[in-house]
């Protein structure tokens, strides 16, 4: 069956793109279970929005420094030692903005025999990854960091409502280009990338495909090591996900 447009009618009336993106990683994991060699495992990672926080907790201690107390018998306000009277300068930048949330729909492949070492990541692009420059930069930076650590990265983008090509942006970030994408880079595509180390030489290798609504999805190489690879049959897992959700 061909690739559908999950962001426009009639398919968008049957099922939301979030449901497809939620089901597809699970189907990829099930597919890989019979393909990965012994010692390798895969797991889905679906996370809608993320936020990192640092909590600073204040507590009362009996050994508080001399000169500081949180209350006084005479009803006065709390005081601090002279060394704590430092005043913060005005900020260099103070603009009203939104705290960025980053959506993740991916499958991670680990080498369980090497302490569950991450060896490959399959990224399913969602609209939130493409809607703003800071979101696109975050996605590209994440993929570049994975590649620099020797982790193979596959990018699958079926988002038809935003035309940015994150794979092309990743290549540009790495100082390279993929002529197969053409002058007008397509909005939907699939690609596998890896940095192959050969002695002291590093070779960036990619396998890219332009996707078309109404056409089957390709099979990508999923690299586990420099010499071990399994086929990532996107069409099979995609159809299974669509069937699970009764998408015709």
Protein backbone atom coordinates (compact mmCIF):
# COMPACT_ATOMS: atom_id res chain seq x y z
CA UNK A 1 0.00 0.00 0.00
CA UNK A 2 1.25 3.56 -0.68
CA UNK A 3 2.17 6.40 1.67
CA UNK A 4 -0.90 8.37 2.75
CA UNK A 5 -1.15 12.06 3.61
CA UNK A 6 -2.01 11.90 7.31
CA UNK A 7 -2.28 15.66 7.65
CA UNK A 8 -5.15 16.29 5.24
CA UNK A 9 -8.58 14.77 4.52
CA UNK A 10 -9.70 12.12 3.96
CA UNK A 11 -7.05 10.31 6.08
CA UNK A 12 -6.91 13.02 8.77
CA UNK A 13 -10.63 12.41 9.39
CA UNK A 14 -9.95 8.72 10.10
CA UNK A 15 -6.94 9.00 12.40
CA UNK A 16 -4.69 11.76 13.72
CA UNK A 17 -1.04 11.99 12.78
CA UNK A 18 -0.18 11.65 16.49
CA UNK A 19 -1.80 8.22 16.54
CA UNK A 20 0.17 7.10 13.50
CA UNK A 21 3.41 8.48 14.94
CA UNK A 22 2.66 6.77 18.24
CA UNK A 23 1.94 3.38 16.68
CA UNK A 24 4.68 3.34 14.05
CA UNK A 25 7.68 3.16 16.44
CA UNK A 26 6.11 0.19 18.22
CA UNK A 27 5.64 -1.59 14.90
CA UNK A 28 9.26 -0.93 13.94
CA UNK A 29 10.38 -2.49 17.23
CA UNK A 30 8.25 -5.58 16.60
CA UNK A 31 9.65 -5.86 13.07
CA UNK A 32 13.25 -5.53 14.28
CA UNK A 33 12.80 -8.21 16.93
CA UNK A 34 13.12 -10.92 14.28
CA UNK A 35 15.89 -9.11 12.36
CA UNK A 36 18.38 -7.91 14.94
CA UNK A 37 21.26 -10.30 15.62
CA UNK A 38 21.73 -11.75 19.12
CA UNK A 39 22.85 -9.16 21.62
CA UNK A 40 20.98 -6.24 20.05
CA UNK A 41 17.63 -4.90 21.24
CA UNK A 42 15.35 -2.05 20.21
CA UNK A 43 12.88 0.09 22.11
CA UNK A 44 10.34 2.79 21.17
CA UNK A 45 10.71 6.30 22.54
CA UNK A 46 7.61 8.48 22.19
CA UNK A 47 7.72 11.75 24.07
CA UNK A 48 5.48 14.70 23.35
CA UNK A 49 7.32 17.71 24.69
CA UNK A 50 10.18 17.73 27.14
CA UNK A 51 11.39 20.08 29.80
CA UNK A 52 14.52 19.88 31.91
CA UNK A 53 14.30 21.40 35.38
CA UNK A 54 16.65 21.98 38.27
CA UNK A 55 14.93 22.17 41.65
CA UNK A 56 16.60 24.29 44.32
CA UNK A 57 15.29 23.34 47.74
CA UNK A 58 15.60 25.48 50.84
CA UNK A 59 15.49 23.90 54.29
CA UNK A 60 16.03 24.91 57.87
CA UNK A 61 19.23 23.69 59.49
CA UNK A 62 20.43 23.86 63.10
CA UNK A 63 23.93 24.78 61.93
CA UNK A 64 22.91 27.88 60.00
CA UNK A 65 25.76 30.39 59.66
CA UNK A 66 26.09 32.95 62.42
CA UNK A 67 24.36 36.20 61.57
CA UNK A 68 21.49 34.62 59.63
CA UNK A 69 18.07 33.66 60.85
CA UNK A 70 14.68 33.25 59.24
CA UNK A 71 12.89 34.90 62.16
CA UNK A 72 13.57 37.13 65.10
CA UNK A 73 12.07 37.29 68.58
CA UNK A 74 11.32 40.98 68.11
CA UNK A 75 9.26 40.28 64.99
CA UNK A 76 11.82 41.75 62.62
CA UNK A 77 12.48 40.51 59.10
CA UNK A 78 15.09 37.92 58.18
CA UNK A 79 18.63 39.20 57.91
CA UNK A 80 21.65 37.92 56.02
CA UNK A 81 25.37 38.35 56.54
CA UNK A 82 27.10 41.20 54.76
CA UNK A 83 28.59 38.82 52.20
CA UNK A 84 25.08 38.00 50.91
CA UNK A 85 24.17 41.58 49.92
CA UNK A 86 25.41 41.15 46.35
CA UNK A 87 23.04 42.76 43.83
CA UNK A 88 22.29 41.16 40.49
CA UNK A 89 22.86 43.41 37.50
CA UNK A 90 20.20 44.04 34.88
CA UNK A 91 19.95 41.13 32.38
CA UNK A 92 21.59 41.48 29.00
CA UNK A 93 18.47 40.03 27.33
CA UNK A 94 14.93 40.04 28.69
CA UNK A 95 12.34 39.04 26.11
CA UNK A 96 8.99 37.36 26.53
CA UNK A 97 9.08 33.92 24.94
CA UNK A 98 7.88 30.35 25.30
CA UNK A 99 9.73 27.50 26.97
CA UNK A 100 10.58 25.16 24.08
CA UNK A 101 9.07 21.68 24.14
CA UNK A 102 10.59 19.08 21.85
CA UNK A 103 8.56 16.19 20.49
CA UNK A 104 10.28 12.85 20.01
CA UNK A 105 9.00 9.88 18.05
CA UNK A 106 11.87 7.47 17.66
CA UNK A 107 13.22 3.94 17.96
CA UNK A 108 16.53 3.30 19.71
CA UNK A 109 18.71 0.27 19.07
CA UNK A 110 21.14 -0.89 21.75
CA UNK A 111 24.03 -3.32 21.96
CA UNK A 112 22.94 -5.14 25.12
CA UNK A 113 26.20 -7.07 25.35
CA UNK A 114 28.13 -3.80 25.71
CA UNK A 115 26.15 -2.43 28.62
CA UNK A 116 23.16 -1.40 26.51
CA UNK A 117 25.25 0.92 24.36
CA UNK A 118 23.20 3.02 21.96
CA UNK A 119 24.20 2.15 18.38
CA UNK A 120 21.39 3.49 16.18
CA UNK A 121 18.40 5.83 16.32
CA UNK A 122 15.41 6.02 13.97
CA UNK A 123 13.82 9.48 14.08
CA UNK A 124 10.22 9.96 12.91
CA UNK A 125 9.88 13.68 12.20
CA UNK A 126 6.74 15.37 13.54
CA UNK A 127 5.33 18.83 12.72
CA UNK A 128 6.75 20.27 15.93
CA UNK A 129 10.29 19.45 14.77
CA UNK A 130 9.81 21.63 11.68
CA UNK A 131 7.66 24.57 12.75
CA UNK A 132 10.28 27.05 14.05
CA UNK A 133 13.98 27.72 13.48
CA UNK A 134 14.83 26.85 17.10
CA UNK A 135 12.98 23.52 16.85
CA UNK A 136 14.71 22.65 13.58
CA UNK A 137 18.09 23.64 15.02
CA UNK A 138 17.47 21.45 18.07
CA UNK A 139 16.58 18.44 15.91
CA UNK A 140 19.59 18.94 13.62
CA UNK A 141 21.91 19.44 16.59
CA UNK A 142 20.64 16.26 18.24
CA UNK A 143 21.22 14.20 15.07
CA UNK A 144 24.68 15.69 14.55
CA UNK A 145 25.65 14.91 18.14
CA UNK A 146 24.52 11.30 17.73
CA UNK A 147 26.52 10.90 14.53
CA UNK A 148 29.63 12.37 16.14
CA UNK A 149 29.37 9.71 18.84
CA UNK A 150 29.38 6.98 16.19
CA UNK A 151 25.62 6.33 16.39
CA UNK A 152 23.84 5.69 13.10
CA UNK A 153 20.84 7.95 12.49
CA UNK A 154 17.83 7.31 10.26
CA UNK A 155 15.38 10.15 9.58
CA UNK A 156 11.88 9.48 8.27
CA UNK A 157 9.80 12.56 7.45
CA UNK A 158 6.21 12.15 6.18
CA UNK A 159 5.04 15.57 7.41
CA UNK A 160 3.37 17.09 4.35
CA UNK A 161 2.21 20.36 5.92
CA UNK A 162 5.67 21.86 6.48
CA UNK A 163 8.24 21.82 3.70
CA UNK A 164 11.50 22.13 5.61
CA UNK A 165 13.98 19.32 4.94
CA UNK A 166 15.77 18.50 8.19
CA UNK A 167 18.05 15.98 6.51
CA UNK A 168 19.29 18.67 4.11
CA UNK A 169 19.75 21.03 7.06
CA UNK A 170 21.72 18.33 8.88
CA UNK A 171 23.99 17.89 5.87
CA UNK A 172 24.51 21.65 5.66
CA UNK A 173 25.31 21.73 9.38
CA UNK A 174 27.98 19.10 8.72
CA UNK A 175 29.33 21.15 5.82
CA UNK A 176 28.06 18.76 3.16
CA UNK A 177 25.26 18.44 0.62
CA UNK A 178 23.28 15.62 -0.98
CA UNK A 179 22.88 16.21 -4.73
CA UNK A 180 20.17 13.54 -4.93
CA UNK A 181 17.79 15.87 -3.07
CA UNK A 182 17.80 18.26 -6.02
CA UNK A 183 17.76 22.07 -6.01
CA UNK A 184 14.33 22.35 -4.41
CA UNK A 185 14.69 20.02 -1.46
CA UNK A 186 11.58 17.86 -0.96
CA UNK A 187 9.43 18.20 2.14
CA UNK A 188 9.11 14.44 2.72
CA UNK A 189 12.01 12.02 2.56
CA UNK A 190 13.82 9.18 4.33
CA UNK A 191 17.54 8.89 4.97
CA UNK A 192 20.09 6.82 6.87
CA UNK A 193 23.35 8.41 7.97
CA UNK A 194 26.52 7.25 9.65
CA UNK A 195 30.10 8.28 10.15
CA UNK A 196 32.36 5.38 9.24
CA UNK A 197 35.76 5.37 10.93
CA UNK A 198 38.54 3.69 8.96
CA UNK A 199 41.74 4.12 10.90
CA UNK A 200 42.17 7.86 11.29
CA UNK A 201 39.85 8.61 8.38
CA UNK A 202 36.16 9.41 8.87
CA UNK A 203 33.72 9.03 5.99
CA UNK A 204 30.19 10.42 6.17
CA UNK A 205 27.84 8.00 4.39
CA UNK A 206 24.15 8.60 3.70
CA UNK A 207 21.38 6.75 1.88
CA UNK A 208 18.53 9.09 0.99
CA UNK A 209 15.17 8.74 -0.75
CA UNK A 210 12.58 11.29 -1.81
CA UNK A 211 9.12 10.19 -0.64
CA UNK A 212 5.94 10.66 -2.60
CA UNK A 213 2.36 10.37 -1.36
CA UNK A 214 0.81 7.45 -3.21
CA UNK A 215 4.11 5.56 -3.56
CA UNK A 216 5.61 2.79 -1.35
CA UNK A 217 8.17 3.61 1.31
CA UNK A 218 11.80 2.51 0.85
CA UNK A 219 13.98 0.11 2.81
CA UNK A 220 16.83 1.84 4.62
CA UNK A 221 20.09 0.33 5.85
CA UNK A 222 20.13 0.20 9.65
CA UNK A 223 23.77 0.10 10.73
CA UNK A 224 24.53 -1.61 14.04
CA UNK A 225 28.34 -1.59 13.73
CA UNK A 226 30.78 -0.60 11.00
CA UNK A 227 30.14 -3.94 9.29
CA UNK A 228 26.78 -5.20 10.59
CA UNK A 229 23.62 -3.93 8.95
CA UNK A 230 19.97 -5.01 8.82
CA UNK A 231 17.21 -3.80 6.46
CA UNK A 232 14.76 -1.27 7.87
CA UNK A 233 11.64 -2.03 5.83
CA UNK A 234 9.64 1.17 6.33
CA UNK A 235 6.80 0.01 4.11
CA UNK A 236 6.15 -3.10 6.19
CA UNK A 237 6.11 -1.35 9.57
CA UNK A 238 4.10 1.57 8.20
CA UNK A 239 1.41 -0.71 6.78
CA UNK A 240 1.20 -2.63 10.03
CA UNK A 241 0.72 0.63 11.94
CA UNK A 242 -1.97 1.77 9.50
CA UNK A 243 -3.72 -1.58 9.73
CA UNK A 244 -3.65 -1.47 13.54
CA UNK A 245 -5.46 1.86 13.37
CA UNK A 246 -7.86 0.77 10.59
CA UNK A 247 -6.44 3.27 8.12
CA UNK A 248 -7.25 2.36 4.55
